[in-house]
Amino acid sequence: MLNSQRRFGFTLAEVLVTLGIIGVVSAMTVPSLMQNYQRQSYVTQLHKVYNEMQQAFERYKSDNNAINLREAGMNDQTSVNNFVNTYFKVVNSCLDPNEIKPCFDNPENYRKISGESADAFDNNNEDEGTGMSFTLASGASIRPWKPNNRSDLTFIVAVVDVNGPKPPNIYGRDFFEMCIDVDGNIDGCFKSGGDAAMSLPLTTEQREDLFNSYCLGGGNSLVGCFGKILNDNWQMTY
């Protein structure tokens, strides 16, 4: 009597071929998935800092019964430092304007997507004000300063490293610049001496122009990356 229970299975060669195909597909897709995950984690941290700053400015105005930051008493770098220490959970302060470590990495280790230097800390002078650096409980580092030569549009400028001194320290990845106007609105910055008609929040078109000209472009200007993320609804699409 013939055995009707036939056994089916894969040969060793078939298994090896299948595993090889899976390996090739994984090698092609896993790095991209990991890269996208890492980028989104940077954006998540950036969004957290943004929200924390936005809430702090509103509380500061409310606590001082003021309509804007100047009226609330933010008139110099000392008042900016006091604001940070009062309204943020600060775990480390780097108050020497000539020294950013350990809050940030060495300035020469920061660069742009293009590979050029991201000169973001040279603001200890009469025109740009004197910056101070802080590390927050979230692990992010901020360096806010009150420029002496800017208008109410850029009442405060801040650089943010969402993971502190850890790599990659690339502008537009884990490192960003924000501008805050006298009312406490937070947006991307524009090139110093730029369009006097600009106001915060910037328009979608203005952010796109700044992104293409400076975030992806050459030179050491830290302009355009943060605005692009705002345009793209907190996604890093570049």
C-alpha atoms as a PDB file:
ATOM      1  CA  MET A   1       0.000   0.000   0.000  1.00  0.00           C
ATOM      2  CA  LEU A   2       1.419   3.335  -1.020  1.00  0.00           C
ATOM      3  CA  ASN A   3       2.109   5.903   1.705  1.00  0.00           C
ATOM      4  CA  SER A   4      -0.186   8.870   0.975  1.00  0.00           C
ATOM      5  CA  GLN A   5       1.471  11.097   3.624  1.00  0.00           C
ATOM      6  CA  ARG A   6       4.040  12.875   1.507  1.00  0.00           C
ATOM      7  CA  ARG A   7       6.526  15.112   3.291  1.00  0.00           C
ATOM      8  CA  PHE A   8       7.357  18.530   1.956  1.00  0.00           C
ATOM      9  CA  GLY A   9      10.294  20.716   2.977  1.00  0.00           C
ATOM     10  CA  PHE A  10      13.031  23.047   1.831  1.00  0.00           C
ATOM     11  CA  THR A  11      16.362  21.826   0.702  1.00  0.00           C
ATOM     12  CA  LEU A  12      19.487  23.255   2.300  1.00  0.00           C
ATOM     13  CA  ALA A  13      20.253  25.168  -0.875  1.00  0.00           C
ATOM     14  CA  GLU A  14      16.822  26.796  -0.835  1.00  0.00           C
ATOM     15  CA  VAL A  15      17.221  27.825   2.797  1.00  0.00           C
ATOM     16  CA  LEU A  16      20.621  29.336   2.106  1.00  0.00           C
ATOM     17  CA  VAL A  17      19.307  31.272  -0.882  1.00  0.00           C
ATOM     18  CA  THR A  18      16.390  32.622   1.187  1.00  0.00           C
ATOM     19  CA  LEU A  19      18.685  33.675   4.010  1.00  0.00           C
ATOM     20  CA  GLY A  20      20.953  35.363   1.491  1.00  0.00           C
ATOM     21  CA  ILE A  21      18.063  37.362   0.066  1.00  0.00           C
ATOM     22  CA  ILE A  22      16.930  38.383   3.551  1.00  0.00           C
ATOM     23  CA  GLY A  23      20.480  39.474   4.364  1.00  0.00           C
ATOM     24  CA  VAL A  24      20.744  41.621   1.252  1.00  0.00           C
ATOM     25  CA  VAL A  25      17.363  43.288   1.870  1.00  0.00           C
ATOM     26  CA  SER A  26      18.281  43.943   5.506  1.00  0.00           C
ATOM     27  CA  ALA A  27      21.609  45.453   4.536  1.00  0.00           C
ATOM     28  CA  MET A  28      19.790  47.808   2.187  1.00  0.00           C
ATOM     29  CA  THR A  29      16.947  48.861   4.499  1.00  0.00           C
ATOM     30  CA  VAL A  30      18.174  48.680   8.112  1.00  0.00           C
ATOM     31  CA  PRO A  31      20.726  51.554   7.840  1.00  0.00           C
ATOM     32  CA  SER A  32      18.053  53.808   6.339  1.00  0.00           C
ATOM     33  CA  LEU A  33      15.560  52.870   9.059  1.00  0.00           C
ATOM     34  CA  MET A  34      18.148  53.498  11.773  1.00  0.00           C
ATOM     35  CA  GLN A  35      19.063  56.848  10.240  1.00  0.00           C
ATOM     36  CA  ASN A  36      15.422  57.931  10.093  1.00  0.00           C
ATOM     37  CA  TYR A  37      14.878  56.813  13.677  1.00  0.00           C
ATOM     38  CA  GLN A  38      17.920  58.794  14.851  1.00  0.00           C
ATOM     39  CA  ARG A  39      16.836  61.915  13.018  1.00  0.00           C
ATOM     40  CA  GLN A  40      13.357  61.736  14.460  1.00  0.00           C
ATOM     41  CA  SER A  41      14.783  61.296  17.950  1.00  0.00           C
ATOM     42  CA  TYR A  42      16.710  64.559  17.464  1.00  0.00           C
ATOM     43  CA  VAL A  43      13.512  66.302  16.368  1.00  0.00           C
ATOM     44  CA  THR A  44      11.633  64.918  19.377  1.00  0.00           C
ATOM     45  CA  GLN A  45      14.269  66.356  21.706  1.00  0.00           C
ATOM     46  CA  LEU A  46      14.234  69.648  19.811  1.00  0.00           C
ATOM     47  CA  HIS A  47      10.463  69.856  20.112  1.00  0.00           C
ATOM     48  CA  LYS A  48      10.768  69.241  23.852  1.00  0.00           C
ATOM     49  CA  VAL A  49      13.229  72.124  24.256  1.00  0.00           C
ATOM     50  CA  TYR A  50      11.028  74.354  22.095  1.00  0.00           C
ATOM     51  CA  ASN A  51       7.950  73.621  24.216  1.00  0.00           C
ATOM     52  CA  GLU A  52       9.901  74.135  27.424  1.00  0.00           C
ATOM     53  CA  MET A  53      11.170  77.503  26.218  1.00  0.00           C
ATOM     54  CA  GLN A  54       7.777  78.610  24.985  1.00  0.00           C
ATOM     55  CA  GLN A  55       6.109  77.752  28.295  1.00  0.00           C
ATOM     56  CA  ALA A  56       8.903  79.440  30.259  1.00  0.00           C
ATOM     57  CA  PHE A  57       8.517  82.719  28.351  1.00  0.00           C
ATOM     58  CA  GLU A  58       4.759  82.733  28.947  1.00  0.00           C
ATOM     59  CA  ARG A  59       5.213  82.040  32.657  1.00  0.00           C
ATOM     60  CA  TYR A  60       7.867  84.742  32.902  1.00  0.00           C
ATOM     61  CA  LYS A  61       5.545  87.345  31.378  1.00  0.00           C
ATOM     62  CA  SER A  62       2.635  86.201  33.514  1.00  0.00           C
ATOM     63  CA  ASP A  63       4.649  86.179  36.749  1.00  0.00           C
ATOM     64  CA  ASN A  64       5.771  89.746  36.069  1.00  0.00           C
ATOM     65  CA  ASN A  65       2.360  90.934  34.821  1.00  0.00           C
ATOM     66  CA  ALA A  66       3.971  92.067  31.569  1.00  0.00           C
ATOM     67  CA  ILE A  67       2.959  92.060  27.933  1.00  0.00           C
ATOM     68  CA  ASN A  68       6.448  91.298  26.603  1.00  0.00           C
ATOM     69  CA  LEU A  69       9.863  90.117  27.757  1.00  0.00           C
ATOM     70  CA  ARG A  70      11.380  93.579  28.034  1.00  0.00           C
ATOM     71  CA  GLU A  71       8.566  94.833  30.227  1.00  0.00           C
ATOM     72  CA  ALA A  72       8.970  91.682  32.341  1.00  0.00           C
ATOM     73  CA  GLY A  73      12.566  92.689  33.062  1.00  0.00           C
ATOM     74  CA  MET A  74      14.674  90.813  30.517  1.00  0.00           C
ATOM     75  CA  ASN A  75      16.985  93.649  29.556  1.00  0.00           C
ATOM     76  CA  ASP A  76      20.511  92.240  29.698  1.00  0.00           C
ATOM     77  CA  GLN A  77      22.465  88.992  29.824  1.00  0.00           C
ATOM     78  CA  THR A  78      22.238  88.792  33.611  1.00  0.00           C
ATOM     79  CA  SER A  79      18.452  88.804  33.433  1.00  0.00           C
ATOM     80  CA  VAL A  80      18.589  86.120  30.712  1.00  0.00           C
ATOM     81  CA  ASN A  81      20.783  83.955  32.945  1.00  0.00           C
ATOM     82  CA  ASN A  82      18.454  84.472  35.907  1.00  0.00           C
ATOM     83  CA  PHE A  83      15.487  83.564  33.703  1.00  0.00           C
ATOM     84  CA  VAL A  84      17.093  80.273  32.654  1.00  0.00           C
ATOM     85  CA  ASN A  85      18.044  79.333  36.200  1.00  0.00           C
ATOM     86  CA  THR A  86      14.547  80.149  37.475  1.00  0.00           C
ATOM     87  CA  TYR A  87      12.317  78.649  34.790  1.00  0.00           C
ATOM     88  CA  PHE A  88      14.352  75.636  33.623  1.00  0.00           C
ATOM     89  CA  LYS A  89      15.711  72.571  35.382  1.00  0.00           C
ATOM     90  CA  VAL A  90      19.418  73.350  35.035  1.00  0.00           C
ATOM     91  CA  VAL A  91      21.917  70.626  35.918  1.00  0.00           C
ATOM     92  CA  ASN A  92      25.058  72.441  34.814  1.00  0.00           C
ATOM     93  CA  SER A  93      25.988  76.077  34.185  1.00  0.00           C
ATOM     94  CA  CYS A  94      28.946  77.221  32.092  1.00  0.00           C
ATOM     95  CA  LEU A  95      28.975  80.908  32.938  1.00  0.00           C
ATOM     96  CA  ASP A  96      32.376  81.794  31.559  1.00  0.00           C
ATOM     97  CA  PRO A  97      31.552  83.384  28.166  1.00  0.00           C
ATOM     98  CA  ASN A  98      34.868  82.127  26.808  1.00  0.00           C
ATOM     99  CA  GLU A  99      34.257  78.497  27.826  1.00  0.00           C
ATOM    100  CA  ILE A 100      31.345  76.327  26.672  1.00  0.00           C
ATOM    101  CA  LYS A 101      32.515  72.978  28.063  1.00  0.00           C
ATOM    102  CA  PRO A 102      31.197  70.782  29.579  1.00  0.00           C
ATOM    103  CA  CYS A 103      27.800  72.087  28.467  1.00  0.00           C
ATOM    104  CA  PHE A 104      28.788  71.822  24.792  1.00  0.00           C
ATOM    105  CA  ASP A 105      31.600  70.126  22.911  1.00  0.00           C
ATOM    106  CA  ASN A 106      34.600  72.111  21.658  1.00  0.00           C
ATOM    107  CA  PRO A 107      33.461  74.719  19.109  1.00  0.00           C
ATOM    108  CA  GLU A 108      35.776  73.330  16.429  1.00  0.00           C
ATOM    109  CA  ASN A 109      33.914  69.995  16.574  1.00  0.00           C
ATOM    110  CA  TYR A 110      30.664  71.549  15.352  1.00  0.00           C
ATOM    111  CA  ARG A 111      30.059  71.604  11.630  1.00  0.00           C
ATOM    112  CA  LYS A 112      27.316  72.056   9.055  1.00  0.00           C
ATOM    113  CA  ILE A 113      25.724  69.426   6.838  1.00  0.00           C
ATOM    114  CA  SER A 114      28.041  70.651   4.085  1.00  0.00           C
ATOM    115  CA  GLY A 115      31.026  69.791   6.280  1.00  0.00           C
ATOM    116  CA  GLU A 116      32.017  73.403   6.899  1.00  0.00           C
ATOM    117  CA  SER A 117      32.625  74.802  10.355  1.00  0.00           C
ATOM    118  CA  ALA A 118      29.542  75.833  12.347  1.00  0.00           C
ATOM    119  CA  ASP A 119      30.892  78.861  14.190  1.00  0.00           C
ATOM    120  CA  ALA A 120      28.115  79.246  16.742  1.00  0.00           C
ATOM    121  CA  PHE A 121      29.799  80.383  19.932  1.00  0.00           C
ATOM    122  CA  ASP A 122      31.756  83.476  18.949  1.00  0.00           C
ATOM    123  CA  ASN A 123      29.326  85.895  20.562  1.00  0.00           C
ATOM    124  CA  ASN A 124      31.459  87.283  23.406  1.00  0.00           C
ATOM    125  CA  ASN A 125      31.781  90.799  22.011  1.00  0.00           C
ATOM    126  CA  GLU A 126      30.188  94.238  22.148  1.00  0.00           C
ATOM    127  CA  ASP A 127      27.941  93.711  19.124  1.00  0.00           C
ATOM    128  CA  GLU A 128      26.629  90.213  19.712  1.00  0.00           C
ATOM    129  CA  GLY A 129      26.468  90.233  23.507  1.00  0.00           C
ATOM    130  CA  THR A 130      27.952  87.749  25.944  1.00  0.00           C
ATOM    131  CA  GLY A 131      26.599  84.214  25.828  1.00  0.00           C
ATOM    132  CA  MET A 132      26.313  81.809  28.724  1.00  0.00           C
ATOM    133  CA  SER A 133      25.754  78.054  28.420  1.00  0.00           C
ATOM    134  CA  PHE A 134      23.528  75.684  30.382  1.00  0.00           C
ATOM    135  CA  THR A 135      22.759  71.956  30.420  1.00  0.00           C
ATOM    136  CA  LEU A 136      19.132  71.090  31.120  1.00  0.00           C
ATOM    137  CA  ALA A 137      17.731  68.058  32.927  1.00  0.00           C
ATOM    138  CA  SER A 138      16.567  66.685  29.566  1.00  0.00           C
ATOM    139  CA  GLY A 139      20.204  66.389  28.463  1.00  0.00           C
ATOM    140  CA  ALA A 140      19.948  69.270  26.011  1.00  0.00           C
ATOM    141  CA  SER A 141      22.331  72.227  26.174  1.00  0.00           C
ATOM    142  CA  ILE A 142      21.317  75.806  25.434  1.00  0.00           C
ATOM    143  CA  ARG A 143      23.312  79.009  25.004  1.00  0.00           C
ATOM    144  CA  PRO A 144      20.940  82.009  24.983  1.00  0.00           C
ATOM    145  CA  TRP A 145      22.253  85.518  24.658  1.00  0.00           C
ATOM    146  CA  LYS A 146      20.777  88.967  24.300  1.00  0.00           C
ATOM    147  CA  PRO A 147      22.438  90.647  21.315  1.00  0.00           C
ATOM    148  CA  ASN A 148      23.363  94.287  21.654  1.00  0.00           C
ATOM    149  CA  ASN A 149      22.938  95.115  17.980  1.00  0.00           C
ATOM    150  CA  ARG A 150      19.657  93.400  17.133  1.00  0.00           C
ATOM    151  CA  SER A 151      16.060  94.589  16.989  1.00  0.00           C
ATOM    152  CA  ASP A 152      13.021  93.342  18.880  1.00  0.00           C
ATOM    153  CA  LEU A 153      12.700  90.685  16.184  1.00  0.00           C
ATOM    154  CA  THR A 154      15.827  88.955  17.460  1.00  0.00           C
ATOM    155  CA  PHE A 155      15.483  89.991  21.075  1.00  0.00           C
ATOM    156  CA  ILE A 156      17.219  86.778  22.181  1.00  0.00           C
ATOM    157  CA  VAL A 157      19.256  84.302  20.133  1.00  0.00           C
ATOM    158  CA  ALA A 158      19.873  80.759  21.360  1.00  0.00           C
ATOM    159  CA  VAL A 159      21.826  77.802  20.083  1.00  0.00           C
ATOM    160  CA  VAL A 160      20.568  74.391  21.167  1.00  0.00           C
ATOM    161  CA  ASP A 161      22.344  71.040  21.148  1.00  0.00           C
ATOM    162  CA  VAL A 162      19.588  68.524  21.808  1.00  0.00           C
ATOM    163  CA  ASN A 163      21.962  65.863  23.196  1.00  0.00           C
ATOM    164  CA  GLY A 164      24.574  68.100  24.792  1.00  0.00           C
ATOM    165  CA  PRO A 165      28.217  67.556  23.848  1.00  0.00           C
ATOM    166  CA  LYS A 166      27.557  64.107  22.340  1.00  0.00           C
ATOM    167  CA  PRO A 167      28.071  63.620  18.580  1.00  0.00           C
ATOM    168  CA  PRO A 168      27.264  64.171  15.812  1.00  0.00           C
ATOM    169  CA  ASN A 169      27.303  67.945  16.599  1.00  0.00           C
ATOM    170  CA  ILE A 170      26.042  68.828  13.141  1.00  0.00           C
ATOM    171  CA  TYR A 171      23.974  71.929  12.518  1.00  0.00           C
ATOM    172  CA  GLY A 172      20.563  70.795  11.333  1.00  0.00           C
ATOM    173  CA  ARG A 173      20.862  67.359  12.966  1.00  0.00           C
ATOM    174  CA  ASP A 174      21.341  67.682  16.736  1.00  0.00           C
ATOM    175  CA  PHE A 175      22.354  71.347  16.758  1.00  0.00           C
ATOM    176  CA  PHE A 176      20.107  74.335  15.956  1.00  0.00           C
ATOM    177  CA  GLU A 177      19.776  78.091  16.285  1.00  0.00           C
ATOM    178  CA  MET A 178      16.557  79.816  17.376  1.00  0.00           C
ATOM    179  CA  CYS A 179      15.509  83.449  17.507  1.00  0.00           C
ATOM    180  CA  ILE A 180      13.060  84.844  20.042  1.00  0.00           C
ATOM    181  CA  ASP A 181      11.322  88.177  19.571  1.00  0.00           C
ATOM    182  CA  VAL A 182      10.387  90.603  22.336  1.00  0.00           C
ATOM    183  CA  ASP A 183       6.968  88.945  22.700  1.00  0.00           C
ATOM    184  CA  GLY A 184       8.487  85.503  23.272  1.00  0.00           C
ATOM    185  CA  ASN A 185       7.726  84.054  19.835  1.00  0.00           C
ATOM    186  CA  ILE A 186      10.267  81.401  18.822  1.00  0.00           C
ATOM    187  CA  ASP A 187      11.251  80.752  15.210  1.00  0.00           C
ATOM    188  CA  GLY A 188      14.237  80.276  12.981  1.00  0.00           C
ATOM    189  CA  CYS A 189      16.726  83.118  12.613  1.00  0.00           C
ATOM    190  CA  PHE A 190      17.479  85.016   9.441  1.00  0.00           C
ATOM    191  CA  LYS A 191      20.800  86.326   8.199  1.00  0.00           C
ATOM    192  CA  SER A 192      21.971  89.327  10.223  1.00  0.00           C
ATOM    193  CA  GLY A 193      21.145  92.481   8.313  1.00  0.00           C
ATOM    194  CA  GLY A 194      18.444  90.672   6.360  1.00  0.00           C
ATOM    195  CA  ASP A 195      14.971  91.743   5.335  1.00  0.00           C
ATOM    196  CA  ALA A 196      13.787  94.417   7.768  1.00  0.00           C
ATOM    197  CA  ALA A 197      10.191  93.542   6.903  1.00  0.00           C
ATOM    198  CA  MET A 198      10.527  90.102   8.476  1.00  0.00           C
ATOM    199  CA  SER A 199       8.664  89.383  11.683  1.00  0.00           C
ATOM    200  CA  LEU A 200       8.046  86.290  13.770  1.00  0.00           C
ATOM    201  CA  PRO A 201       6.643  83.885  12.991  1.00  0.00           C
ATOM    202  CA  LEU A 202       8.382  83.739   9.628  1.00  0.00           C
ATOM    203  CA  THR A 203       6.336  82.776   6.609  1.00  0.00           C
ATOM    204  CA  THR A 204       6.628  79.370   4.976  1.00  0.00           C
ATOM    205  CA  GLU A 205       8.317  80.975   1.969  1.00  0.00           C
ATOM    206  CA  GLN A 206      10.854  82.851   4.110  1.00  0.00           C
ATOM    207  CA  ARG A 207      11.780  79.669   5.975  1.00  0.00           C
ATOM    208  CA  GLU A 208      12.231  77.741   2.722  1.00  0.00           C
ATOM    209  CA  ASP A 209      14.441  80.473   1.253  1.00  0.00           C
ATOM    210  CA  LEU A 210      16.610  80.566   4.379  1.00  0.00           C
ATOM    211  CA  PHE A 211      16.846  76.772   4.415  1.00  0.00           C
ATOM    212  CA  ASN A 212      18.038  76.544   0.827  1.00  0.00           C
ATOM    213  CA  SER A 213      20.425  79.487   1.118  1.00  0.00           C
ATOM    214  CA  TYR A 214      22.049  78.784   4.463  1.00  0.00           C
ATOM    215  CA  CYS A 215      21.132  75.449   6.071  1.00  0.00           C
ATOM    216  CA  LEU A 216      22.188  73.506   2.984  1.00  0.00           C
ATOM    217  CA  GLY A 217      24.447  76.238   1.634  1.00  0.00           C
ATOM    218  CA  GLY A 218      28.010  77.167   2.348  1.00  0.00           C
ATOM    219  CA  GLY A 219      29.419  79.530   4.916  1.00  0.00           C
ATOM    220  CA  ASN A 220      29.220  79.282   8.665  1.00  0.00           C
ATOM    221  CA  SER A 221      25.885  81.055   9.149  1.00  0.00           C
ATOM    222  CA  LEU A 222      23.516  79.038  11.365  1.00  0.00           C
ATOM    223  CA  VAL A 223      20.304  79.952   9.590  1.00  0.00           C
ATOM    224  CA  GLY A 224      17.481  77.974   8.009  1.00  0.00           C
ATOM    225  CA  CYS A 225      17.459  74.480   9.523  1.00  0.00           C
ATOM    226  CA  PHE A 226      15.089  75.066  12.430  1.00  0.00           C
ATOM    227  CA  GLY A 227      12.610  76.932  10.251  1.00  0.00           C
ATOM    228  CA  LYS A 228      12.543  74.016   7.805  1.00  0.00           C
ATOM    229  CA  ILE A 229      11.565  71.644  10.611  1.00  0.00           C
ATOM    230  CA  LEU A 230       8.769  74.010  11.605  1.00  0.00           C
ATOM    231  CA  ASN A 231       7.584  74.091   7.987  1.00  0.00           C
ATOM    232  CA  ASP A 232       7.550  70.305   7.788  1.00  0.00           C
ATOM    233  CA  ASN A 233       5.497  69.837  10.966  1.00  0.00           C
ATOM    234  CA  TRP A 234       8.379  68.654  13.150  1.00  0.00           C
ATOM    235  CA  GLN A 235       9.854  66.239  10.674  1.00  0.00           C
ATOM    236  CA  MET A 236      13.465  66.190   9.474  1.00  0.00           C
ATOM    237  CA  THR A 237      12.924  65.730   5.753  1.00  0.00           C
ATOM    238  CA  TYR A 238      16.358  66.801   4.549  1.00  0.00           C
END
